[in-house]
């Protein structure tokens, strides 16, 4: 599923290889690496894919200090949903994307240029 809203574009892919391909496609369409994010259910998998794809992870800059601190006390599912919402998606969209991450898929997000 692909989704586009006023703030960001998202694409769910099956695996890390497809995530790398999606990031490269976004870069060729003009998105900067600083505006492309990847998210997987496991933190270390997110790290590996982000490094390989030359993309970013959703961090303090995107979430804000409060949400970043709160994530220390949240379950991984709650943390992922909070990260997705911080990128401009609704709670319902975040629920859907997090359920896809539960299945082992990867989420690629491209933030709209400011």
PDB file of N, CA and C in Angstrom:
ATOM      1  N   UNK A   1       0.844  -1.189   0.000  1.00  0.00           N
ATOM      2  CA  UNK A   1       0.000   0.000   0.000  1.00  0.00           C
ATOM      3  C   UNK A   1       0.880   1.239   0.000  1.00  0.00           C
ATOM      4  N   UNK A   2       0.515   2.172  -0.822  1.00  0.00           N
ATOM      5  CA  UNK A   2       1.165   3.476  -0.839  1.00  0.00           C
ATOM      6  C   UNK A   2       0.184   4.488  -0.280  1.00  0.00           C
ATOM      7  N   UNK A   3       0.695   5.478   0.399  1.00  0.00           N
ATOM      8  CA  UNK A   3      -0.162   6.520   0.931  1.00  0.00           C
ATOM      9  C   UNK A   3       0.539   7.859   0.781  1.00  0.00           C
ATOM     10  N   UNK A   4      -0.215   8.843   0.398  1.00  0.00           N
ATOM     11  CA  UNK A   4       0.323  10.185   0.309  1.00  0.00           C
ATOM     12  C   UNK A   4      -0.614  11.110   1.069  1.00  0.00           C
ATOM     13  N   UNK A   5      -0.046  11.902   1.963  1.00  0.00           N
ATOM     14  CA  UNK A   5      -0.855  12.914   2.625  1.00  0.00           C
ATOM     15  C   UNK A   5      -0.148  14.249   2.444  1.00  0.00           C
ATOM     16  N   UNK A   6      -0.629  15.275   3.097  1.00  0.00           N
ATOM     17  CA  UNK A   6      -0.068  16.611   2.901  1.00  0.00           C
ATOM     18  C   UNK A   6       1.375  16.713   3.375  1.00  0.00           C
ATOM     19  N   UNK A   7       1.774  15.831   4.297  1.00  0.00           N
ATOM     20  CA  UNK A   7       3.111  15.960   4.870  1.00  0.00           C
ATOM     21  C   UNK A   7       4.102  14.897   4.419  1.00  0.00           C
ATOM     22  N   UNK A   8       3.618  13.701   4.049  1.00  0.00           N
ATOM     23  CA  UNK A   8       4.562  12.632   3.747  1.00  0.00           C
ATOM     24  C   UNK A   8       3.964  11.592   2.815  1.00  0.00           C
ATOM     25  N   UNK A   9       4.862  10.822   2.204  1.00  0.00           N
ATOM     26  CA  UNK A   9       4.526   9.700   1.335  1.00  0.00           C
ATOM     27  C   UNK A   9       5.012   8.443   2.036  1.00  0.00           C
ATOM     28  N   UNK A  10       4.243   7.381   1.976  1.00  0.00           N
ATOM     29  CA  UNK A  10       4.662   6.132   2.604  1.00  0.00           C
ATOM     30  C   UNK A  10       4.429   4.973   1.655  1.00  0.00           C
ATOM     31  N   UNK A  11       5.325   3.987   1.741  1.00  0.00           N
ATOM     32  CA  UNK A  11       5.200   2.779   0.937  1.00  0.00           C
ATOM     33  C   UNK A  11       5.604   1.597   1.796  1.00  0.00           C
ATOM     34  N   UNK A  12       4.757   0.581   1.832  1.00  0.00           N
ATOM     35  CA  UNK A  12       5.067  -0.652   2.541  1.00  0.00           C
ATOM     36  C   UNK A  12       5.694  -1.598   1.525  1.00  0.00           C
ATOM     37  N   UNK A  13       6.852  -2.147   1.877  1.00  0.00           N
ATOM     38  CA  UNK A  13       7.524  -3.111   1.007  1.00  0.00           C
ATOM     39  C   UNK A  13       7.757  -4.404   1.774  1.00  0.00           C
ATOM     40  N   UNK A  14       8.044  -5.459   1.054  1.00  0.00           N
ATOM     41  CA  UNK A  14       8.148  -6.793   1.640  1.00  0.00           C
ATOM     42  C   UNK A  14       9.430  -7.029   2.438  1.00  0.00           C
ATOM     43  N   UNK A  15      10.535  -6.372   2.030  1.00  0.00           N
ATOM     44  CA  UNK A  15      11.823  -6.695   2.659  1.00  0.00           C
ATOM     45  C   UNK A  15      12.820  -5.546   2.494  1.00  0.00           C
ATOM     46  N   UNK A  16      14.013  -5.764   3.031  1.00  0.00           N
ATOM     47  CA  UNK A  16      15.051  -4.745   2.981  1.00  0.00           C
ATOM     48  C   UNK A  16      15.514  -4.421   1.573  1.00  0.00           C
ATOM     49  N   UNK A  17      15.581  -5.430   0.712  1.00  0.00           N
ATOM     50  CA  UNK A  17      16.004  -5.199  -0.672  1.00  0.00           C
ATOM     51  C   UNK A  17      15.028  -4.259  -1.367  1.00  0.00           C
ATOM     52  N   UNK A  18      13.744  -4.515  -1.200  1.00  0.00           N
ATOM     53  CA  UNK A  18      12.738  -3.639  -1.802  1.00  0.00           C
ATOM     54  C   UNK A  18      12.766  -2.247  -1.173  1.00  0.00           C
ATOM     55  N   UNK A  19      13.095  -2.175   0.107  1.00  0.00           N
ATOM     56  CA  UNK A  19      13.195  -0.864   0.768  1.00  0.00           C
ATOM     57  C   UNK A  19      14.329  -0.051   0.158  1.00  0.00           C
ATOM     58  N   UNK A  20      15.472  -0.693  -0.076  1.00  0.00           N
ATOM     59  CA  UNK A  20      16.610  -0.005  -0.701  1.00  0.00           C
ATOM     60  C   UNK A  20      16.209   0.493  -2.086  1.00  0.00           C
ATOM     61  N   UNK A  21      15.503  -0.339  -2.847  1.00  0.00           N
ATOM     62  CA  UNK A  21      15.043   0.059  -4.183  1.00  0.00           C
ATOM     63  C   UNK A  21      14.082   1.243  -4.097  1.00  0.00           C
ATOM     64  N   UNK A  22      13.156   1.219  -3.130  1.00  0.00           N
ATOM     65  CA  UNK A  22      12.189   2.310  -2.967  1.00  0.00           C
ATOM     66  C   UNK A  22      12.903   3.614  -2.612  1.00  0.00           C
ATOM     67  N   UNK A  23      13.912   3.528  -1.740  1.00  0.00           N
ATOM     68  CA  UNK A  23      14.674   4.730  -1.362  1.00  0.00           C
ATOM     69  C   UNK A  23      15.388   5.295  -2.587  1.00  0.00           C
ATOM     70  N   UNK A  24      16.006   4.434  -3.382  1.00  0.00           N
ATOM     71  CA  UNK A  24      16.709   4.903  -4.588  1.00  0.00           C
ATOM     72  C   UNK A  24      15.743   5.562  -5.571  1.00  0.00           C
ATOM     73  N   UNK A  25      14.547   4.989  -5.718  1.00  0.00           N
ATOM     74  CA  UNK A  25      13.538   5.592  -6.593  1.00  0.00           C
ATOM     75  C   UNK A  25      13.171   6.994  -6.102  1.00  0.00           C
ATOM     76  N   UNK A  26      12.971   7.127  -4.793  1.00  0.00           N
ATOM     77  CA  UNK A  26      12.623   8.436  -4.237  1.00  0.00           C
ATOM     78  C   UNK A  26      13.748   9.439  -4.452  1.00  0.00           C
ATOM     79  N   UNK A  27      14.987   8.988  -4.300  1.00  0.00           N
ATOM     80  CA  UNK A  27      16.123   9.881  -4.509  1.00  0.00           C
ATOM     81  C   UNK A  27      16.197  10.341  -5.962  1.00  0.00           C
ATOM     82  N   UNK A  28      15.878   9.455  -6.905  1.00  0.00           N
ATOM     83  CA  UNK A  28      15.918   9.846  -8.315  1.00  0.00           C
ATOM     84  C   UNK A  28      14.785  10.802  -8.677  1.00  0.00           C
ATOM     85  N   UNK A  29      13.721  10.820  -7.864  1.00  0.00           N
ATOM     86  CA  UNK A  29      12.625  11.760  -8.133  1.00  0.00           C
ATOM     87  C   UNK A  29      12.829  13.098  -7.426  1.00  0.00           C
ATOM     88  N   UNK A  30      13.960  13.254  -6.728  1.00  0.00           N
ATOM     89  CA  UNK A  30      14.287  14.544  -6.149  1.00  0.00           C
ATOM     90  C   UNK A  30      14.257  14.645  -4.643  1.00  0.00           C
ATOM     91  N   UNK A  31      13.874  13.574  -3.953  1.00  0.00           N
ATOM     92  CA  UNK A  31      13.910  13.611  -2.495  1.00  0.00           C
ATOM     93  C   UNK A  31      15.358  13.534  -2.018  1.00  0.00           C
ATOM     94  N   UNK A  32      15.685  14.313  -1.024  1.00  0.00           N
ATOM     95  CA  UNK A  32      17.007  14.270  -0.409  1.00  0.00           C
ATOM     96  C   UNK A  32      17.062  13.139   0.607  1.00  0.00           C
ATOM     97  N   UNK A  33      18.246  12.587   0.839  1.00  0.00           N
ATOM     98  CA  UNK A  33      18.407  11.499   1.810  1.00  0.00           C
ATOM     99  C   UNK A  33      17.899  11.910   3.188  1.00  0.00           C
ATOM    100  N   UNK A  34      18.025  13.182   3.528  1.00  0.00           N
ATOM    101  CA  UNK A  34      17.568  13.669   4.835  1.00  0.00           C
ATOM    102  C   UNK A  34      16.048  13.661   4.979  1.00  0.00           C
ATOM    103  N   UNK A  35      15.326  13.448   3.881  1.00  0.00           N
ATOM    104  CA  UNK A  35      13.873  13.444   3.901  1.00  0.00           C
ATOM    105  C   UNK A  35      13.281  12.050   3.694  1.00  0.00           C
ATOM    106  N   UNK A  36      14.148  11.030   3.636  1.00  0.00           N
ATOM    107  CA  UNK A  36      13.683   9.662   3.410  1.00  0.00           C
ATOM    108  C   UNK A  36      14.011   8.826   4.642  1.00  0.00           C
ATOM    109  N   UNK A  37      13.008   8.106   5.141  1.00  0.00           N
ATOM    110  CA  UNK A  37      13.139   7.334   6.368  1.00  0.00           C
ATOM    111  C   UNK A  37      12.690   5.903   6.135  1.00  0.00           C
ATOM    112  N   UNK A  38      13.294   4.983   6.863  1.00  0.00           N
ATOM    113  CA  UNK A  38      12.845   3.591   6.834  1.00  0.00           C
ATOM    114  C   UNK A  38      12.516   3.162   8.252  1.00  0.00           C
ATOM    115  N   UNK A  39      11.589   2.221   8.350  1.00  0.00           N
ATOM    116  CA  UNK A  39      11.156   1.738   9.653  1.00  0.00           C
ATOM    117  C   UNK A  39      10.796   0.266   9.534  1.00  0.00           C
ATOM    118  N   UNK A  40      11.393  -0.538  10.391  1.00  0.00           N
ATOM    119  CA  UNK A  40      11.080  -1.965  10.490  1.00  0.00           C
ATOM    120  C   UNK A  40      10.723  -2.249  11.942  1.00  0.00           C
ATOM    121  N   UNK A  41      10.120  -3.402  12.183  1.00  0.00           N
ATOM    122  CA  UNK A  41       9.688  -3.690  13.561  1.00  0.00           C
ATOM    123  C   UNK A  41      10.880  -3.823  14.501  1.00  0.00           C
ATOM    124  N   UNK A  42      11.955  -4.440  14.039  1.00  0.00           N
ATOM    125  CA  UNK A  42      13.140  -4.601  14.888  1.00  0.00           C
ATOM    126  C   UNK A  42      14.080  -3.422  14.680  1.00  0.00           C
ATOM    127  N   UNK A  43      14.535  -2.832  15.777  1.00  0.00           N
ATOM    128  CA  UNK A  43      15.408  -1.653  15.715  1.00  0.00           C
ATOM    129  C   UNK A  43      16.682  -1.931  14.930  1.00  0.00           C
ATOM    130  N   UNK A  44      17.329  -3.087  15.168  1.00  0.00           N
ATOM    131  CA  UNK A  44      18.578  -3.372  14.463  1.00  0.00           C
ATOM    132  C   UNK A  44      18.352  -3.548  12.966  1.00  0.00           C
ATOM    133  N   UNK A  45      17.197  -4.067  12.582  1.00  0.00           N
ATOM    134  CA  UNK A  45      16.874  -4.190  11.155  1.00  0.00           C
ATOM    135  C   UNK A  45      16.680  -2.807  10.543  1.00  0.00           C
ATOM    136  N   UNK A  46      16.007  -1.921  11.259  1.00  0.00           N
ATOM    137  CA  UNK A  46      15.848  -0.542  10.796  1.00  0.00           C
ATOM    138  C   UNK A  46      17.221   0.087  10.582  1.00  0.00           C
ATOM    139  N   UNK A  47      18.137  -0.097  11.536  1.00  0.00           N
ATOM    140  CA  UNK A  47      19.498   0.450  11.432  1.00  0.00           C
ATOM    141  C   UNK A  47      20.200  -0.058  10.178  1.00  0.00           C
ATOM    142  N   UNK A  48      20.146  -1.372   9.959  1.00  0.00           N
ATOM    143  CA  UNK A  48      20.841  -1.980   8.805  1.00  0.00           C
ATOM    144  C   UNK A  48      20.273  -1.471   7.482  1.00  0.00           C
ATOM    145  N   UNK A  49      18.959  -1.425   7.385  1.00  0.00           N
ATOM    146  CA  UNK A  49      18.338  -0.979   6.134  1.00  0.00           C
ATOM    147  C   UNK A  49      18.638   0.495   5.889  1.00  0.00           C
ATOM    148  N   UNK A  50      18.544   1.319   6.919  1.00  0.00           N
ATOM    149  CA  UNK A  50      18.831   2.755   6.773  1.00  0.00           C
ATOM    150  C   UNK A  50      20.268   2.968   6.308  1.00  0.00           C
ATOM    151  N   UNK A  51      21.203   2.245   6.891  1.00  0.00           N
ATOM    152  CA  UNK A  51      22.606   2.369   6.486  1.00  0.00           C
ATOM    153  C   UNK A  51      22.804   1.946   5.033  1.00  0.00           C
ATOM    154  N   UNK A  52      22.231   0.817   4.662  1.00  0.00           N
ATOM    155  CA  UNK A  52      22.386   0.286   3.306  1.00  0.00           C
ATOM    156  C   UNK A  52      21.719   1.187   2.272  1.00  0.00           C
ATOM    157  N   UNK A  53      20.562   1.724   2.599  1.00  0.00           N
ATOM    158  CA  UNK A  53      19.772   2.504   1.650  1.00  0.00           C
ATOM    159  C   UNK A  53      20.156   3.979   1.603  1.00  0.00           C
ATOM    160  N   UNK A  54      21.037   4.417   2.482  1.00  0.00           N
ATOM    161  CA  UNK A  54      21.366   5.835   2.604  1.00  0.00           C
ATOM    162  C   UNK A  54      20.104   6.632   2.932  1.00  0.00           C
ATOM    163  N   UNK A  55      19.372   6.112   3.924  1.00  0.00           N
ATOM    164  CA  UNK A  55      18.165   6.780   4.408  1.00  0.00           C
ATOM    165  C   UNK A  55      18.361   7.079   5.892  1.00  0.00           C
ATOM    166  N   UNK A  56      17.361   7.667   6.499  1.00  0.00           N
ATOM    167  CA  UNK A  56      17.457   8.026   7.913  1.00  0.00           C
ATOM    168  C   UNK A  56      16.478   7.208   8.739  1.00  0.00           C
ATOM    169  N   UNK A  57      16.712   7.253  10.035  1.00  0.00           N
ATOM    170  CA  UNK A  57      15.767   6.702  10.995  1.00  0.00           C
ATOM    171  C   UNK A  57      15.001   7.867  11.604  1.00  0.00           C
ATOM    172  N   UNK A  58      13.786   7.608  12.028  1.00  0.00           N
ATOM    173  CA  UNK A  58      12.987   8.650  12.667  1.00  0.00           C
ATOM    174  C   UNK A  58      13.550   8.868  14.066  1.00  0.00           C
ATOM    175  N   UNK A  59      13.993  10.093  14.339  1.00  0.00           N
ATOM    176  CA  UNK A  59      14.644  10.377  15.608  1.00  0.00           C
ATOM    177  C   UNK A  59      14.061  11.588  16.309  1.00  0.00           C
ATOM    178  N   UNK A  60      14.850  12.153  17.207  1.00  0.00           N
ATOM    179  CA  UNK A  60      14.409  13.288  18.028  1.00  0.00           C
ATOM    180  C   UNK A  60      13.978  14.463  17.164  1.00  0.00           C
ATOM    181  N   UNK A  61      14.711  14.730  16.090  1.00  0.00           N
ATOM    182  CA  UNK A  61      14.385  15.871  15.226  1.00  0.00           C
ATOM    183  C   UNK A  61      12.968  15.746  14.671  1.00  0.00           C
ATOM    184  N   UNK A  62      12.585  14.529  14.287  1.00  0.00           N
ATOM    185  CA  UNK A  62      11.270  14.306  13.696  1.00  0.00           C
ATOM    186  C   UNK A  62      10.182  14.147  14.765  1.00  0.00           C
ATOM    187  N   UNK A  63      10.500  13.466  15.844  1.00  0.00           N
ATOM    188  CA  UNK A  63       9.512  13.164  16.884  1.00  0.00           C
ATOM    189  C   UNK A  63       9.325  14.273  17.903  1.00  0.00           C
ATOM    190  N   UNK A  64      10.391  14.963  18.206  1.00  0.00           N
ATOM    191  CA  UNK A  64      10.368  15.914  19.300  1.00  0.00           C
ATOM    192  C   UNK A  64      10.908  15.245  20.558  1.00  0.00           C
ATOM    193  N   UNK A  65      11.392  16.042  21.460  1.00  0.00           N
ATOM    194  CA  UNK A  65      12.041  15.525  22.669  1.00  0.00           C
ATOM    195  C   UNK A  65      11.064  14.733  23.533  1.00  0.00           C
ATOM    196  N   UNK A  66       9.842  15.243  23.711  1.00  0.00           N
ATOM    197  CA  UNK A  66       8.878  14.577  24.578  1.00  0.00           C
ATOM    198  C   UNK A  66       8.566  13.167  24.096  1.00  0.00           C
ATOM    199  N   UNK A  67       8.232  13.031  22.807  1.00  0.00           N
ATOM    200  CA  UNK A  67       7.902  11.701  22.279  1.00  0.00           C
ATOM    201  C   UNK A  67       9.109  10.779  22.301  1.00  0.00           C
ATOM    202  N   UNK A  68      10.282  11.303  22.031  1.00  0.00           N
ATOM    203  CA  UNK A  68      11.490  10.474  22.079  1.00  0.00           C
ATOM    204  C   UNK A  68      11.726   9.926  23.481  1.00  0.00           C
ATOM    205  N   UNK A  69      11.529  10.771  24.477  1.00  0.00           N
ATOM    206  CA  UNK A  69      11.684  10.329  25.861  1.00  0.00           C
ATOM    207  C   UNK A  69      10.591   9.322  26.228  1.00  0.00           C
ATOM    208  N   UNK A  70       9.364   9.603  25.809  1.00  0.00           N
ATOM    209  CA  UNK A  70       8.247   8.707  26.119  1.00  0.00           C
ATOM    210  C   UNK A  70       8.456   7.329  25.497  1.00  0.00           C
ATOM    211  N   UNK A  71       9.118   7.281  24.341  1.00  0.00           N
ATOM    212  CA  UNK A  71       9.352   5.995  23.674  1.00  0.00           C
ATOM    213  C   UNK A  71      10.210   5.053  24.511  1.00  0.00           C
ATOM    214  N   UNK A  72      10.981   5.595  25.433  1.00  0.00           N
ATOM    215  CA  UNK A  72      11.793   4.748  26.311  1.00  0.00           C
ATOM    216  C   UNK A  72      10.920   3.864  27.188  1.00  0.00           C
ATOM    217  N   UNK A  73       9.671   4.281  27.392  1.00  0.00           N
ATOM    218  CA  UNK A  73       8.761   3.569  28.287  1.00  0.00           C
ATOM    219  C   UNK A  73       7.618   2.885  27.553  1.00  0.00           C
ATOM    220  N   UNK A  74       7.609   2.970  26.236  1.00  0.00           N
ATOM    221  CA  UNK A  74       6.535   2.383  25.441  1.00  0.00           C
ATOM    222  C   UNK A  74       6.924   0.998  24.935  1.00  0.00           C
ATOM    223  N   UNK A  75       5.906   0.211  24.612  1.00  0.00           N
ATOM    224  CA  UNK A  75       6.161  -1.060  23.916  1.00  0.00           C
ATOM    225  C   UNK A  75       6.673  -0.717  22.520  1.00  0.00           C
ATOM    226  N   UNK A  76       7.275  -1.679  21.853  1.00  0.00           N
ATOM    227  CA  UNK A  76       7.801  -1.415  20.514  1.00  0.00           C
ATOM    228  C   UNK A  76       6.671  -1.005  19.565  1.00  0.00           C
ATOM    229  N   UNK A  77       5.518  -1.646  19.669  1.00  0.00           N
ATOM    230  CA  UNK A  77       4.387  -1.284  18.810  1.00  0.00           C
ATOM    231  C   UNK A  77       3.934   0.146  19.041  1.00  0.00           C
ATOM    232  N   UNK A  78       3.826   0.545  20.294  1.00  0.00           N
ATOM    233  CA  UNK A  78       3.435   1.924  20.624  1.00  0.00           C
ATOM    234  C   UNK A  78       4.490   2.913  20.126  1.00  0.00           C
ATOM    235  N   UNK A  79       5.750   2.543  20.278  1.00  0.00           N
ATOM    236  CA  UNK A  79       6.846   3.400  19.810  1.00  0.00           C
ATOM    237  C   UNK A  79       6.769   3.592  18.295  1.00  0.00           C
ATOM    238  N   UNK A  80       6.543   2.495  17.566  1.00  0.00           N
ATOM    239  CA  UNK A  80       6.456   2.584  16.108  1.00  0.00           C
ATOM    240  C   UNK A  80       5.285   3.457  15.680  1.00  0.00           C
ATOM    241  N   UNK A  81       4.129   3.270  16.306  1.00  0.00           N
ATOM    242  CA  UNK A  81       2.963   4.092  15.966  1.00  0.00           C
ATOM    243  C   UNK A  81       3.244   5.570  16.245  1.00  0.00           C
ATOM    244  N   UNK A  82       3.904   5.866  17.368  1.00  0.00           N
ATOM    245  CA  UNK A  82       4.235   7.264  17.696  1.00  0.00           C
ATOM    246  C   UNK A  82       5.180   7.856  16.652  1.00  0.00           C
ATOM    247  N   UNK A  83       6.141   7.064  16.200  1.00  0.00           N
ATOM    248  CA  UNK A  83       7.072   7.537  15.171  1.00  0.00           C
ATOM    249  C   UNK A  83       6.334   7.835  13.867  1.00  0.00           C
ATOM    250  N   UNK A  84       5.418   6.954  13.492  1.00  0.00           N
ATOM    251  CA  UNK A  84       4.670   7.139  12.250  1.00  0.00           C
ATOM    252  C   UNK A  84       3.783   8.376  12.342  1.00  0.00           C
ATOM    253  N   UNK A  85       3.103   8.559  13.466  1.00  0.00           N
ATOM    254  CA  UNK A  85       2.265   9.750  13.668  1.00  0.00           C
ATOM    255  C   UNK A  85       3.124  11.011  13.612  1.00  0.00           C
ATOM    256  N   UNK A  86       4.332  10.963  14.160  1.00  0.00           N
ATOM    257  CA  UNK A  86       5.210  12.141  14.156  1.00  0.00           C
ATOM    258  C   UNK A  86       5.600  12.568  12.743  1.00  0.00           C
ATOM    259  N   UNK A  87       5.450  11.658  11.781  1.00  0.00           N
ATOM    260  CA  UNK A  87       5.772  11.979  10.390  1.00  0.00           C
ATOM    261  C   UNK A  87       4.571  12.571   9.648  1.00  0.00           C
ATOM    262  N   UNK A  88       3.444  12.738  10.361  1.00  0.00           N
ATOM    263  CA  UNK A  88       2.301  13.403   9.763  1.00  0.00           C
ATOM    264  C   UNK A  88       1.139  12.492   9.412  1.00  0.00           C
ATOM    265  N   UNK A  89       1.197  11.237   9.803  1.00  0.00           N
ATOM    266  CA  UNK A  89       0.113  10.305   9.501  1.00  0.00           C
ATOM    267  C   UNK A  89      -0.886  10.259  10.652  1.00  0.00           C
ATOM    268  N   UNK A  90      -2.102   9.820  10.350  1.00  0.00           N
ATOM    269  CA  UNK A  90      -3.148   9.723  11.361  1.00  0.00           C
ATOM    270  C   UNK A  90      -2.913   8.493  12.236  1.00  0.00           C
ATOM    271  N   UNK A  91      -3.635   8.435  13.344  1.00  0.00           N
ATOM    272  CA  UNK A  91      -3.566   7.261  14.230  1.00  0.00           C
ATOM    273  C   UNK A  91      -3.990   5.998  13.480  1.00  0.00           C
ATOM    274  N   UNK A  92      -5.037   6.111  12.652  1.00  0.00           N
ATOM    275  CA  UNK A  92      -5.525   4.958  11.893  1.00  0.00           C
ATOM    276  C   UNK A  92      -4.465   4.476  10.906  1.00  0.00           C
ATOM    277  N   UNK A  93      -3.817   5.406  10.231  1.00  0.00           N
ATOM    278  CA  UNK A  93      -2.744   5.034   9.302  1.00  0.00           C
ATOM    279  C   UNK A  93      -1.587   4.385  10.064  1.00  0.00           C
ATOM    280  N   UNK A  94      -1.251   4.962  11.211  1.00  0.00           N
ATOM    281  CA  UNK A  94      -0.169   4.406  12.027  1.00  0.00           C
ATOM    282  C   UNK A  94      -0.494   2.987  12.467  1.00  0.00           C
ATOM    283  N   UNK A  95      -1.739   2.745  12.852  1.00  0.00           N
ATOM    284  CA  UNK A  95      -2.157   1.392  13.236  1.00  0.00           C
ATOM    285  C   UNK A  95      -1.973   0.420  12.077  1.00  0.00           C
ATOM    286  N   UNK A  96      -2.402   0.838  10.885  1.00  0.00           N
ATOM    287  CA  UNK A  96      -2.260  -0.024   9.713  1.00  0.00           C
ATOM    288  C   UNK A  96      -0.790  -0.318   9.431  1.00  0.00           C
ATOM    289  N   UNK A  97       0.032   0.733   9.379  1.00  0.00           N
ATOM    290  CA  UNK A  97       1.446   0.537   9.059  1.00  0.00           C
ATOM    291  C   UNK A  97       2.142  -0.316  10.114  1.00  0.00           C
ATOM    292  N   UNK A  98       1.816  -0.105  11.373  1.00  0.00           N
ATOM    293  CA  UNK A  98       2.447  -0.906  12.428  1.00  0.00           C
ATOM    294  C   UNK A  98       2.037  -2.369  12.297  1.00  0.00           C
ATOM    295  N   UNK A  99       0.804  -2.641  11.902  1.00  0.00           N
ATOM    296  CA  UNK A  99       0.382  -4.035  11.716  1.00  0.00           C
ATOM    297  C   UNK A  99       1.134  -4.675  10.556  1.00  0.00           C
ATOM    298  N   UNK A 100       1.472  -3.888   9.541  1.00  0.00           N
ATOM    299  CA  UNK A 100       2.274  -4.398   8.424  1.00  0.00           C
ATOM    300  C   UNK A 100       3.713  -4.678   8.889  1.00  0.00           C
ATOM    301  N   UNK A 101       4.247  -3.808   9.737  1.00  0.00           N
ATOM    302  CA  UNK A 101       5.587  -4.035  10.290  1.00  0.00           C
ATOM    303  C   UNK A 101       5.605  -5.305  11.130  1.00  0.00           C
ATOM    304  N   UNK A 102       4.515  -5.582  11.835  1.00  0.00           N
ATOM    305  CA  UNK A 102       4.393  -6.822  12.612  1.00  0.00           C
ATOM    306  C   UNK A 102       4.554  -8.054  11.734  1.00  0.00           C
ATOM    307  N   UNK A 103       4.190  -7.937  10.470  1.00  0.00           N
ATOM    308  CA  UNK A 103       4.272  -9.058   9.525  1.00  0.00           C
ATOM    309  C   UNK A 103       5.654  -9.182   8.888  1.00  0.00           C
ATOM    310  N   UNK A 104       6.593  -8.329   9.322  1.00  0.00           N
ATOM    311  CA  UNK A 104       7.953  -8.394   8.789  1.00  0.00           C
ATOM    312  C   UNK A 104       8.212  -7.471   7.621  1.00  0.00           C
ATOM    313  N   UNK A 105       7.240  -6.640   7.286  1.00  0.00           N
ATOM    314  CA  UNK A 105       7.418  -5.712   6.170  1.00  0.00           C
ATOM    315  C   UNK A 105       8.190  -4.478   6.638  1.00  0.00           C
ATOM    316  N   UNK A 106       8.539  -3.644   5.680  1.00  0.00           N
ATOM    317  CA  UNK A 106       9.326  -2.436   5.947  1.00  0.00           C
ATOM    318  C   UNK A 106       8.540  -1.242   5.424  1.00  0.00           C
ATOM    319  N   UNK A 107       8.583  -0.149   6.164  1.00  0.00           N
ATOM    320  CA  UNK A 107       7.908   1.080   5.772  1.00  0.00           C
ATOM    321  C   UNK A 107       8.947   2.101   5.323  1.00  0.00           C
ATOM    322  N   UNK A 108       8.743   2.645   4.134  1.00  0.00           N
ATOM    323  CA  UNK A 108       9.602   3.705   3.602  1.00  0.00           C
ATOM    324  C   UNK A 108       8.757   4.971   3.584  1.00  0.00           C
ATOM    325  N   UNK A 109       9.271   6.023   4.199  1.00  0.00           N
ATOM    326  CA  UNK A 109       8.548   7.300   4.297  1.00  0.00           C
ATOM    327  C   UNK A 109       9.415   8.391   3.683  1.00  0.00           C
ATOM    328  N   UNK A 110       8.790   9.209   2.845  1.00  0.00           N
ATOM    329  CA  UNK A 110       9.466  10.383   2.287  1.00  0.00           C
ATOM    330  C   UNK A 110       8.715  11.614   2.763  1.00  0.00           C
ATOM    331  N   UNK A 111       9.395  12.440   3.517  1.00  0.00           N
ATOM    332  CA  UNK A 111       8.808  13.661   4.073  1.00  0.00           C
ATOM    333  C   UNK A 111       8.774  14.718   2.981  1.00  0.00           C
ATOM    334  N   UNK A 112       7.661  15.396   2.875  1.00  0.00           N
ATOM    335  CA  UNK A 112       7.533  16.471   1.893  1.00  0.00           C
ATOM    336  C   UNK A 112       8.551  17.567   2.208  1.00  0.00           C
ATOM    337  N   UNK A 113       9.039  18.186   1.168  1.00  0.00           N
ATOM    338  CA  UNK A 113      10.007  19.275   1.342  1.00  0.00           C
ATOM    339  C   UNK A 113       9.318  20.456   1.998  1.00  0.00           C
ATOM    340  N   UNK A 114      10.049  21.108   2.906  1.00  0.00           N
ATOM    341  CA  UNK A 114       9.478  22.276   3.597  1.00  0.00           C
ATOM    342  C   UNK A 114       9.419  23.476   2.686  1.00  0.00           C
TER     343      UNK A 114
END
